[in-house]
C-alpha atoms as a PDB file:
ATOM      1  CA  MET A   1     -21.523  -0.475  -5.691  1.00  0.00           C
ATOM      2  CA  LYS A   2     -19.982  -3.353  -8.119  1.00  0.00           C
ATOM      3  CA  VAL A   3     -16.087  -1.974  -7.486  1.00  0.00           C
ATOM      4  CA  PHE A   4     -12.958  -3.230  -9.111  1.00  0.00           C
ATOM      5  CA  VAL A   5      -9.988  -3.707  -6.720  1.00  0.00           C
ATOM      6  CA  LEU A   6      -6.745  -4.897  -8.510  1.00  0.00           C
ATOM      7  CA  GLY A   7      -4.484  -6.947  -6.392  1.00  0.00           C
ATOM      8  CA  ALA A   8      -7.569  -8.253  -3.975  1.00  0.00           C
ATOM      9  CA  ALA A   9      -5.218 -11.237  -3.231  1.00  0.00           C
ATOM     10  CA  GLY A  10      -2.540  -8.962  -1.755  1.00  0.00           C
ATOM     11  CA  PHE A  11      -1.518  -7.546   1.434  1.00  0.00           C
ATOM     12  CA  GLN A  12      -2.805  -4.185   0.694  1.00  0.00           C
ATOM     13  CA  GLY A  13      -5.628  -5.328  -1.794  1.00  0.00           C
ATOM     14  CA  SER A  14      -7.210  -7.838   0.745  1.00  0.00           C
ATOM     15  CA  ASN A  15      -7.562  -5.317   3.060  1.00  0.00           C
ATOM     16  CA  ILE A  16      -9.052  -2.675   0.335  1.00  0.00           C
ATOM     17  CA  ALA A  17     -11.624  -5.542  -0.817  1.00  0.00           C
ATOM     18  CA  GLN A  18     -12.556  -6.622   3.144  1.00  0.00           C
ATOM     19  CA  GLU A  19     -13.234  -2.911   3.865  1.00  0.00           C
ATOM     20  CA  LEU A  20     -15.343  -2.646   0.550  1.00  0.00           C
ATOM     21  CA  ILE A  21     -17.287  -5.500   1.487  1.00  0.00           C
ATOM     22  CA  ILE A  22     -18.239  -4.698   5.204  1.00  0.00           C
ATOM     23  CA  LYS A  23     -19.803  -1.425   3.464  1.00  0.00           C
ATOM     24  CA  GLY A  24     -21.830  -3.956   1.277  1.00  0.00           C
ATOM     25  CA  HIS A  25     -20.363  -3.476  -2.288  1.00  0.00           C
ATOM     26  CA  ASP A  26     -19.738  -6.078  -4.598  1.00  0.00           C
ATOM     27  CA  ILE A  27     -16.018  -6.688  -5.325  1.00  0.00           C
ATOM     28  CA  VAL A  28     -14.533  -7.949  -8.615  1.00  0.00           C
ATOM     29  CA  THR A  29     -10.346  -8.558  -9.153  1.00  0.00           C
ATOM     30  CA  LEU A  30      -7.936 -10.158 -11.883  1.00  0.00           C
ATOM     31  CA  LYS A  31      -5.697 -12.958 -11.233  1.00  0.00           C
ATOM     32  CA  ARG A  32      -3.529 -14.057 -13.607  1.00  0.00           C
ATOM     33  CA  SER A  33      -2.981 -17.573 -12.124  1.00  0.00           C
ATOM     34  CA  GLU A  34      -3.238 -20.017  -9.021  1.00  0.00           C
ATOM     35  CA  GLY A  35      -1.501 -18.619  -5.974  1.00  0.00           C
ATOM     36  CA  ASN A  36      -2.879 -16.321  -3.006  1.00  0.00           C
ATOM     37  CA  VAL A  37      -6.589 -17.313  -2.205  1.00  0.00           C
ATOM     38  CA  VAL A  38      -9.063 -14.279  -2.940  1.00  0.00           C
ATOM     39  CA  MET A  39     -12.022 -14.218  -0.735  1.00  0.00           C
ATOM     40  CA  PRO A  40     -14.910 -16.420  -1.943  1.00  0.00           C
ATOM     41  CA  SER A  41     -17.229 -13.424  -1.959  1.00  0.00           C
ATOM     42  CA  ILE A  42     -15.047 -11.956  -4.557  1.00  0.00           C
ATOM     43  CA  ASN A  43     -15.783 -12.437  -8.180  1.00  0.00           C
ATOM     44  CA  VAL A  44     -12.496 -13.093  -9.932  1.00  0.00           C
ATOM     45  CA  VAL A  45     -11.615 -12.653 -13.846  1.00  0.00           C
ATOM     46  CA  LYS A  46      -8.732 -14.791 -15.207  1.00  0.00           C
ATOM     47  CA  GLY A  47      -6.087 -12.394 -16.612  1.00  0.00           C
ATOM     48  CA  GLY A  48      -3.590  -9.834 -15.637  1.00  0.00           C
ATOM     49  CA  LEU A  49      -3.117  -6.215 -16.743  1.00  0.00           C
ATOM     50  CA  GLU A  50      -1.469  -6.874 -19.982  1.00  0.00           C
ATOM     51  CA  SER A  51      -4.685  -8.611 -21.190  1.00  0.00           C
ATOM     52  CA  GLU A  52      -7.153  -5.904 -22.661  1.00  0.00           C
ATOM     53  CA  GLU A  53      -9.725  -8.184 -23.066  1.00  0.00           C
ATOM     54  CA  ALA A  54      -9.543  -9.436 -19.335  1.00  0.00           C
ATOM     55  CA  LEU A  55      -9.394  -5.740 -18.078  1.00  0.00           C
ATOM     56  CA  ASN A  56     -12.779  -4.599 -20.108  1.00  0.00           C
ATOM     57  CA  LYS A  57     -14.447  -7.976 -18.835  1.00  0.00           C
ATOM     58  CA  ALA A  58     -13.552  -7.173 -15.335  1.00  0.00           C
ATOM     59  CA  LEU A  59     -14.771  -3.296 -15.430  1.00  0.00           C
ATOM     60  CA  THR A  60     -18.002  -4.389 -17.647  1.00  0.00           C
ATOM     61  CA  GLY A  61     -20.609  -2.514 -15.068  1.00  0.00           C
ATOM     62  CA  VAL A  62     -18.126  -1.476 -12.550  1.00  0.00           C
ATOM     63  CA  ASP A  63     -19.180   1.808 -10.620  1.00  0.00           C
ATOM     64  CA  ALA A  64     -15.829   2.560  -9.279  1.00  0.00           C
ATOM     65  CA  ALA A  65     -12.120   1.083  -9.340  1.00  0.00           C
ATOM     66  CA  VAL A  66      -9.244   0.751  -6.894  1.00  0.00           C
ATOM     67  CA  TYR A  67      -5.712   0.832  -8.700  1.00  0.00           C
ATOM     68  CA  THR A  68      -2.858  -0.160  -6.881  1.00  0.00           C
ATOM     69  CA  PHE A  69      -0.161  -1.249  -8.926  1.00  0.00           C
ATOM     70  CA  PRO A  70       1.507  -4.173  -8.208  1.00  0.00           C
ATOM     71  CA  LEU A  71       5.299  -4.466  -7.004  1.00  0.00           C
ATOM     72  CA  LEU A  72       6.571  -4.560 -10.519  1.00  0.00           C
ATOM     73  CA  PHE A  73      10.102  -2.676 -11.058  1.00  0.00           C
ATOM     74  CA  ASP A  74       9.877  -1.898 -15.040  1.00  0.00           C
ATOM     75  CA  LEU A  75       8.961   1.876 -16.102  1.00  0.00           C
ATOM     76  CA  ASN A  76       8.034   0.641 -19.685  1.00  0.00           C
ATOM     77  CA  LEU A  77       5.516  -2.367 -18.234  1.00  0.00           C
ATOM     78  CA  ALA A  78       4.332  -0.185 -15.583  1.00  0.00           C
ATOM     79  CA  LYS A  79       3.416   2.718 -18.125  1.00  0.00           C
ATOM     80  CA  ALA A  80       1.947   0.111 -20.483  1.00  0.00           C
ATOM     81  CA  TYR A  81      -0.201  -1.576 -17.970  1.00  0.00           C
ATOM     82  CA  THR A  82      -1.847   1.508 -16.719  1.00  0.00           C
ATOM     83  CA  SER A  83      -2.334   2.715 -20.363  1.00  0.00           C
ATOM     84  CA  ASN A  84      -4.059  -0.702 -20.613  1.00  0.00           C
ATOM     85  CA  PHE A  85      -6.027  -0.131 -17.262  1.00  0.00           C
ATOM     86  CA  ILE A  86      -7.071   3.683 -18.544  1.00  0.00           C
ATOM     87  CA  LYS A  87      -8.306   2.625 -21.981  1.00  0.00           C
ATOM     88  CA  ALA A  88     -10.515  -0.244 -20.229  1.00  0.00           C
ATOM     89  CA  ALA A  89     -11.864   1.798 -17.664  1.00  0.00           C
ATOM     90  CA  LYS A  90     -12.846   4.153 -20.370  1.00  0.00           C
ATOM     91  CA  ALA A  91     -14.452   1.971 -22.281  1.00  0.00           C
ATOM     92  CA  GLN A  92     -16.368   1.021 -19.827  1.00  0.00           C
ATOM     93  CA  LYS A  93     -17.311   4.252 -18.458  1.00  0.00           C
ATOM     94  CA  VAL A  94     -15.993   3.709 -15.054  1.00  0.00           C
ATOM     95  CA  ALA A  95     -17.123   6.913 -13.077  1.00  0.00           C
ATOM     96  CA  HIS A  96     -14.637   6.983 -10.179  1.00  0.00           C
ATOM     97  CA  VAL A  97     -10.944   5.919  -9.817  1.00  0.00           C
ATOM     98  CA  VAL A  98      -9.231   5.659  -6.547  1.00  0.00           C
ATOM     99  CA  PHE A  99      -5.391   5.459  -7.064  1.00  0.00           C
ATOM    100  CA  ASN A 100      -3.478   3.896  -4.066  1.00  0.00           C
ATOM    101  CA  VAL A 101       0.123   5.432  -4.629  1.00  0.00           C
ATOM    102  CA  GLY A 102       1.328   2.756  -2.300  1.00  0.00           C
ATOM    103  CA  PHE A 103       3.953   5.291  -0.990  1.00  0.00           C
ATOM    104  CA  ASP A 104       4.519   8.577  -0.775  1.00  0.00           C
ATOM    105  CA  LEU A 105       4.570  10.878  -4.308  1.00  0.00           C
ATOM    106  CA  GLN A 106       7.954  12.542  -4.894  1.00  0.00           C
ATOM    107  CA  GLU A 107       8.188  16.162  -5.662  1.00  0.00           C
ATOM    108  CA  LYS A 108      11.153  15.848  -7.787  1.00  0.00           C
ATOM    109  CA  SER A 109      12.917  12.468  -9.052  1.00  0.00           C
ATOM    110  CA  GLU A 110      15.850  11.546  -6.936  1.00  0.00           C
ATOM    111  CA  GLY A 111      16.654   8.503  -9.391  1.00  0.00           C
ATOM    112  CA  PHE A 112      14.875   6.150  -7.406  1.00  0.00           C
ATOM    113  CA  LEU A 113      13.032   3.787 -10.055  1.00  0.00           C
ATOM    114  CA  ALA A 114      10.119   2.971  -7.776  1.00  0.00           C
ATOM    115  CA  LEU A 115       9.193   6.293  -6.781  1.00  0.00           C
ATOM    116  CA  ASP A 116       9.669   7.198 -10.490  1.00  0.00           C
ATOM    117  CA  ILE A 117       7.057   4.451 -11.479  1.00  0.00           C
ATOM    118  CA  LYS A 118       4.533   5.727  -9.202  1.00  0.00           C
ATOM    119  CA  ALA A 119       4.920   9.204 -10.486  1.00  0.00           C
ATOM    120  CA  GLN A 120       4.693   8.057 -14.075  1.00  0.00           C
ATOM    121  CA  ILE A 121       1.523   6.047 -13.428  1.00  0.00           C
ATOM    122  CA  LYS A 122       0.278   9.306 -11.712  1.00  0.00           C
ATOM    123  CA  LYS A 123       0.830  11.565 -14.631  1.00  0.00           C
ATOM    124  CA  LEU A 124      -0.984   9.056 -16.919  1.00  0.00           C
ATOM    125  CA  LEU A 125      -3.885   8.632 -14.616  1.00  0.00           C
ATOM    126  CA  ASP A 126      -3.988  12.685 -14.502  1.00  0.00           C
ATOM    127  CA  ALA A 127      -3.888  12.984 -18.073  1.00  0.00           C
ATOM    128  CA  SER A 128      -6.886  10.088 -18.958  1.00  0.00           C
ATOM    129  CA  GLY A 129      -9.708  12.398 -18.587  1.00  0.00           C
ATOM    130  CA  LEU A 130     -11.102  10.046 -15.824  1.00  0.00           C
ATOM    131  CA  ASN A 131     -12.329  10.994 -12.387  1.00  0.00           C
ATOM    132  CA  VAL A 132      -9.417   9.977 -10.224  1.00  0.00           C
ATOM    133  CA  THR A 133      -8.738  10.399  -6.418  1.00  0.00           C
ATOM    134  CA  THR A 134      -5.390   9.658  -5.367  1.00  0.00           C
ATOM    135  CA  LEU A 135      -4.514   8.216  -1.774  1.00  0.00           C
ATOM    136  CA  VAL A 136      -0.803   8.774  -0.647  1.00  0.00           C
ATOM    137  CA  PRO A 137      -0.093   6.504   2.369  1.00  0.00           C
ATOM    138  CA  ASP A 138       2.927   6.368   4.629  1.00  0.00           C
ATOM    139  CA  ILE A 139       5.210   3.359   5.753  1.00  0.00           C
ATOM    140  CA  TYR A 140       3.046   0.306   6.230  1.00  0.00           C
ATOM    141  CA  ILE A 141       3.614  -0.719   9.761  1.00  0.00           C
ATOM    142  CA  ASP A 142       2.661  -4.385   8.937  1.00  0.00           C
ATOM    143  CA  ASN A 143       6.044  -4.993   7.213  1.00  0.00           C
ATOM    144  CA  ILE A 144       7.339  -5.253  10.571  1.00  0.00           C
ATOM    145  CA  SER A 145       4.786  -8.191  11.643  1.00  0.00           C
ATOM    146  CA  ALA A 146       5.273  -9.799   7.881  1.00  0.00           C
ATOM    147  CA  PRO A 147       5.438 -13.498   8.218  1.00  0.00           C
ATOM    148  CA  TRP A 148       9.446 -13.365   7.616  1.00  0.00           C
ATOM    149  CA  SER A 149       9.290 -11.184  10.077  1.00  0.00           C
ATOM    150  CA  ILE A 150       8.091 -12.262  13.483  1.00  0.00           C
ATOM    151  CA  PRO A 151      10.574 -15.163  13.457  1.00  0.00           C
ATOM    152  CA  VAL A 152      13.713 -12.567  13.564  1.00  0.00           C
ATOM    153  CA  ILE A 153      11.637 -10.642  16.112  1.00  0.00           C
ATOM    154  CA  LEU A 154      10.957 -13.405  18.652  1.00  0.00           C
ATOM    155  CA  ASN A 155      13.800 -15.586  18.000  1.00  0.00           C
ATOM    156  CA  ASN A 156      16.422 -12.715  18.344  1.00  0.00           C
ATOM    157  CA  ASN A 157      14.407 -10.366  20.993  1.00  0.00           C
ATOM    158  CA  ILE A 158      14.828  -7.714  18.169  1.00  0.00           C
ATOM    159  CA  VAL A 159      12.622  -5.465  16.124  1.00  0.00           C
ATOM    160  CA  PRO A 160      15.022  -4.845  12.992  1.00  0.00           C
ATOM    161  CA  TYR A 161      13.970  -1.976  10.434  1.00  0.00           C
ATOM    162  CA  PRO A 162      15.745   0.548   8.284  1.00  0.00           C
ATOM    163  CA  VAL A 163      14.701   3.794   9.773  1.00  0.00           C
ATOM    164  CA  ALA A 164      17.349   5.594  12.313  1.00  0.00           C
ATOM    165  CA  SER A 165      16.932   5.073  15.747  1.00  0.00           C
ATOM    166  CA  GLY A 166      15.052   7.901  17.544  1.00  0.00           C
ATOM    167  CA  SER A 167      13.356   8.983  14.374  1.00  0.00           C
ATOM    168  CA  LYS A 168       9.758   9.715  14.262  1.00  0.00           C
ATOM    169  CA  VAL A 169       8.353   8.994  10.950  1.00  0.00           C
ATOM    170  CA  PRO A 170       4.414   8.353   9.536  1.00  0.00           C
ATOM    171  CA  TRP A 171       3.254   4.887   9.421  1.00  0.00           C
ATOM    172  CA  ILE A 172      -0.098   3.111   8.054  1.00  0.00           C
ATOM    173  CA  SER A 173      -1.676   0.006   8.930  1.00  0.00           C
ATOM    174  CA  HIS A 174      -3.058  -2.200   6.210  1.00  0.00           C
ATOM    175  CA  LEU A 175      -6.285  -1.897   7.995  1.00  0.00           C
ATOM    176  CA  ASP A 176      -6.450   1.524   7.835  1.00  0.00           C
ATOM    177  CA  LEU A 177      -5.584   1.798   4.153  1.00  0.00           C
ATOM    178  CA  GLY A 178      -8.963  -0.288   3.895  1.00  0.00           C
ATOM    179  CA  LYS A 179     -10.780   2.296   6.021  1.00  0.00           C
ATOM    180  CA  TYR A 180      -9.550   5.358   3.809  1.00  0.00           C
ATOM    181  CA  VAL A 181      -9.952   3.457   0.040  1.00  0.00           C
ATOM    182  CA  ALA A 182     -13.671   2.433   1.528  1.00  0.00           C
ATOM    183  CA  SER A 183     -14.406   5.868   2.400  1.00  0.00           C
ATOM    184  CA  ALA A 184     -12.936   7.538  -0.855  1.00  0.00           C
ATOM    185  CA  ILE A 185     -14.719   5.134  -3.186  1.00  0.00           C
ATOM    186  CA  GLU A 186     -17.670   6.328  -2.080  1.00  0.00           C
ATOM    187  CA  LYS A 187     -16.958  10.149  -2.520  1.00  0.00           C
ATOM    188  CA  PRO A 188     -16.478  10.629  -6.220  1.00  0.00           C
ATOM    189  CA  GLU A 189     -16.653  14.566  -5.673  1.00  0.00           C
ATOM    190  CA  LEU A 190     -13.134  14.275  -4.421  1.00  0.00           C
ATOM    191  CA  SER A 191     -11.982  13.568  -8.047  1.00  0.00           C
ATOM    192  CA  GLY A 192      -8.818  15.505  -8.756  1.00  0.00           C
ATOM    193  CA  ARG A 193      -7.563  15.316  -5.065  1.00  0.00           C
ATOM    194  CA  VAL A 194      -4.328  14.143  -3.551  1.00  0.00           C
ATOM    195  CA  LEU A 195      -4.962  13.008  -0.193  1.00  0.00           C
ATOM    196  CA  PRO A 196      -1.871  12.014   2.385  1.00  0.00           C
ATOM    197  CA  ILE A 197      -3.286   8.775   4.614  1.00  0.00           C
ATOM    198  CA  GLY A 198      -1.890   7.638   7.825  1.00  0.00           C
ATOM    199  CA  GLY A 199       0.243   9.960   9.738  1.00  0.00           C
ATOM    200  CA  ASN A 200       0.704   8.049  13.131  1.00  0.00           C
ATOM    201  CA  LEU A 201       3.803   9.512  14.046  1.00  0.00           C
ATOM    202  CA  PHE A 202       6.127   6.229  15.864  1.00  0.00           C
ATOM    203  CA  SER A 203       9.874   5.817  16.426  1.00  0.00           C
ATOM    204  CA  GLY A 204      11.325   2.550  16.240  1.00  0.00           C
ATOM    205  CA  GLU A 205      11.697   2.246  19.919  1.00  0.00           C
ATOM    206  CA  GLU A 206       8.245   3.088  20.477  1.00  0.00           C
ATOM    207  CA  ILE A 207       7.285   0.016  18.324  1.00  0.00           C
ATOM    208  CA  ALA A 208       9.459  -2.057  19.735  1.00  0.00           C
ATOM    209  CA  ALA A 209       8.260  -1.099  23.361  1.00  0.00           C
ATOM    210  CA  ALA A 210       4.522  -1.852  22.277  1.00  0.00           C
ATOM    211  CA  ILE A 211       5.286  -5.137  20.880  1.00  0.00           C
ATOM    212  CA  SER A 212       7.478  -6.098  24.270  1.00  0.00           C
ATOM    213  CA  ILE A 213       4.291  -5.387  25.992  1.00  0.00           C
ATOM    214  CA  GLU A 214       2.166  -7.335  24.196  1.00  0.00           C
ATOM    215  CA  THR A 215       4.397 -10.436  23.736  1.00  0.00           C
ATOM    216  CA  GLY A 216       6.276 -10.290  27.028  1.00  0.00           C
ATOM    217  CA  LYS A 217       9.307 -10.213  25.655  1.00  0.00           C
ATOM    218  CA  GLU A 218      12.205  -7.604  26.281  1.00  0.00           C
ATOM    219  CA  LEU A 219      12.514  -6.357  22.587  1.00  0.00           C
ATOM    220  CA  HIS A 220      15.279  -3.842  21.521  1.00  0.00           C
ATOM    221  CA  TYR A 221      14.645  -1.789  18.577  1.00  0.00           C
ATOM    222  CA  VAL A 222      17.674  -1.700  15.847  1.00  0.00           C
ATOM    223  CA  SER A 223      18.021   0.603  13.214  1.00  0.00           C
ATOM    224  CA  VAL A 224      19.425  -1.158   9.764  1.00  0.00           C
ATOM    225  CA  THR A 225      20.932   1.240   7.216  1.00  0.00           C
ATOM    226  CA  PRO A 226      19.282   1.150   3.721  1.00  0.00           C
ATOM    227  CA  ASP A 227      22.413  -0.529   2.320  1.00  0.00           C
ATOM    228  CA  GLU A 228      22.406  -3.039   5.062  1.00  0.00           C
ATOM    229  CA  PHE A 229      18.498  -3.647   4.104  1.00  0.00           C
ATOM    230  CA  GLU A 230      19.380  -4.177   0.447  1.00  0.00           C
ATOM    231  CA  GLU A 231      21.963  -6.652   1.105  1.00  0.00           C
ATOM    232  CA  LYS A 232      19.552  -8.770   3.097  1.00  0.00           C
ATOM    233  CA  LEU A 233      16.722  -8.317   0.789  1.00  0.00           C
ATOM    234  CA  SER A 234      18.361  -8.841  -2.454  1.00  0.00           C
ATOM    235  CA  PRO A 235      19.238 -12.753  -1.949  1.00  0.00           C
ATOM    236  CA  ALA A 236      15.540 -13.502  -1.321  1.00  0.00           C
ATOM    237  CA  PHE A 237      13.554 -10.785  -3.893  1.00  0.00           C
ATOM    238  CA  GLY A 238      16.497 -10.324  -6.250  1.00  0.00           C
ATOM    239  CA  GLU A 239      19.022  -7.617  -6.908  1.00  0.00           C
ATOM    240  CA  ILE A 240      16.552  -5.149  -8.711  1.00  0.00           C
ATOM    241  CA  ALA A 241      13.714  -5.631  -6.085  1.00  0.00           C
ATOM    242  CA  GLY A 242      16.101  -5.399  -3.250  1.00  0.00           C
ATOM    243  CA  ARG A 243      17.652  -2.129  -4.290  1.00  0.00           C
ATOM    244  CA  GLU A 244      14.077  -0.427  -5.385  1.00  0.00           C
ATOM    245  CA  ILE A 245      12.526  -1.420  -1.830  1.00  0.00           C
ATOM    246  CA  SER A 246      15.581  -0.268  -0.023  1.00  0.00           C
ATOM    247  CA  ASN A 247      15.645   3.097  -2.049  1.00  0.00           C
ATOM    248  CA  LEU A 248      12.015   3.948  -0.400  1.00  0.00           C
ATOM    249  CA  TYR A 249      13.857   4.307   2.785  1.00  0.00           C
ATOM    250  CA  ARG A 250      16.622   5.876   1.463  1.00  0.00           C
ATOM    251  CA  TYR A 251      13.865   8.546   0.239  1.00  0.00           C
ATOM    252  CA  VAL A 252      12.202   8.314   3.821  1.00  0.00           C
ATOM    253  CA  LYS A 253      15.752   9.328   5.349  1.00  0.00           C
ATOM    254  CA  ASN A 254      16.086  12.381   2.630  1.00  0.00           C
ATOM    255  CA  ASN A 255      12.217  13.693   3.165  1.00  0.00           C
ATOM    256  CA  ARG A 256      11.516  12.799   6.633  1.00  0.00           C
ATOM    257  CA  GLU A 257      10.290  16.700   7.789  1.00  0.00           C
ATOM    258  CA  GLN A 258       8.375  16.731   4.105  1.00  0.00           C
ATOM    259  CA  MET A 259       6.594  13.474   5.134  1.00  0.00           C
ATOM    260  CA  ILE A 260       5.521  14.288   8.789  1.00  0.00           C
ATOM    261  CA  ALA A 261       4.357  17.837   7.707  1.00  0.00           C
ATOM    262  CA  LYS A 262       1.410  16.734   5.419  1.00  0.00           C
ATOM    263  CA  ASP A 263      -2.131  17.303   6.193  1.00  0.00           C
ATOM    264  CA  TYR A 264      -3.061  13.869   7.707  1.00  0.00           C
ATOM    265  CA  LYS A 265      -5.693  15.357  10.060  1.00  0.00           C
ATOM    266  CA  GLY A 266      -7.701  17.257   7.404  1.00  0.00           C
ATOM    267  CA  THR A 267      -7.488  13.636   5.167  1.00  0.00           C
ATOM    268  CA  GLN A 268      -8.864  11.732   8.562  1.00  0.00           C
ATOM    269  CA  GLU A 269     -11.814  14.557   8.906  1.00  0.00           C
ATOM    270  CA  LEU A 270     -12.458  14.489   4.966  1.00  0.00           C
ATOM    271  CA  LEU A 271     -13.076  10.479   5.185  1.00  0.00           C
ATOM    272  CA  GLY A 272     -14.077   9.834   8.715  1.00  0.00           C
ATOM    273  CA  VAL A 273     -11.410   7.444   9.282  1.00  0.00           C
ATOM    274  CA  THR A 274      -9.508   7.295  12.861  1.00  0.00           C
ATOM    275  CA  PRO A 275      -6.346   5.470  12.554  1.00  0.00           C
ATOM    276  CA  GLN A 276      -5.440   2.767  14.801  1.00  0.00           C
ATOM    277  CA  SER A 277      -3.538   3.457  17.829  1.00  0.00           C
ATOM    278  CA  LEU A 278      -0.232   1.642  18.171  1.00  0.00           C
ATOM    279  CA  SER A 279      -1.624  -0.476  20.743  1.00  0.00           C
ATOM    280  CA  ASP A 280      -4.499  -1.315  18.932  1.00  0.00           C
ATOM    281  CA  TRP A 281      -2.611  -2.501  15.823  1.00  0.00           C
ATOM    282  CA  VAL A 282       0.107  -4.723  18.006  1.00  0.00           C
ATOM    283  CA  LYS A 283      -2.943  -6.433  19.642  1.00  0.00           C
ATOM    284  CA  SER A 284      -4.300  -7.279  16.101  1.00  0.00           C
ATOM    285  CA  VAL A 285      -1.207  -9.243  15.280  1.00  0.00           C
ATOM    286  CA  LYS A 286      -0.643 -12.835  16.251  1.00  0.00           C
ATOM    287  CA  TRP A 287       2.910 -12.563  17.597  1.00  0.00           C
ATOM    288  CA  GLU A 288       3.655 -16.097  17.118  1.00  0.00           C
ATOM    289  CA  LEU A 289       5.798 -18.546  15.702  1.00  0.00           C
ATOM    290  CA  LYS A 290       4.192 -21.034  13.273  1.00  0.00           C
ATOM    291  CA  ALA A 291       4.712 -24.715  13.695  1.00  0.00           C
END
């Protein structure tokens, strides 16, 4: 199939695109400007979600589309951009859309903008008349191995993260996200379903212990509060982004029991995906300092 993947140059989108390519699909994406490198095998249309012309061009002849909304904390823009996507997808008769929520879908608003945006996008897609399968992932374990995180871990012998000590929460890797999406895109009969993906339950201490074995360094897990996390993020990412990213972990703290109770096994069987083990994920990461 020809598949449109929004954000194919990003952490999530690149893994989705790679898994779809492995399965033999042709990929097209939008790219507004120079920056992150897109895989050479991907067809790139210049433009962004603000351009109906670019969206129509990117979605021409597409059989299916993957919609992962970018890290943007503006509700009005999120609604406008999603409406543009829906309009173009309908005009180009896209048969199936997989919506990667990017995080949990809240049952009721807790006043967190990042989560309200995801809920509003879901409402727009539900009302669109498009055939949409919704995938709801957990916390991305790859956040722990982000380029800015590895130096902190290796230089200080700590694994800091905004999840309480001893608290097992559900995690998903970007690799597994790609596998779930690549499977779902081939199953249009799942349209209308909301499927939880991921579900590997680990504590911060277990993750630190696994990284310790791989690196040969004795690492200790350090629980950071969402407030402390926001204080560290905001200077680098901006006040709004720092607050809203930290709000995701306030949500985890408030809704852990609900998150771990979802039917992850059912989705794994439905989509034929076996999540990475913690050991396999740790081994997939290059735990080294860049020169």
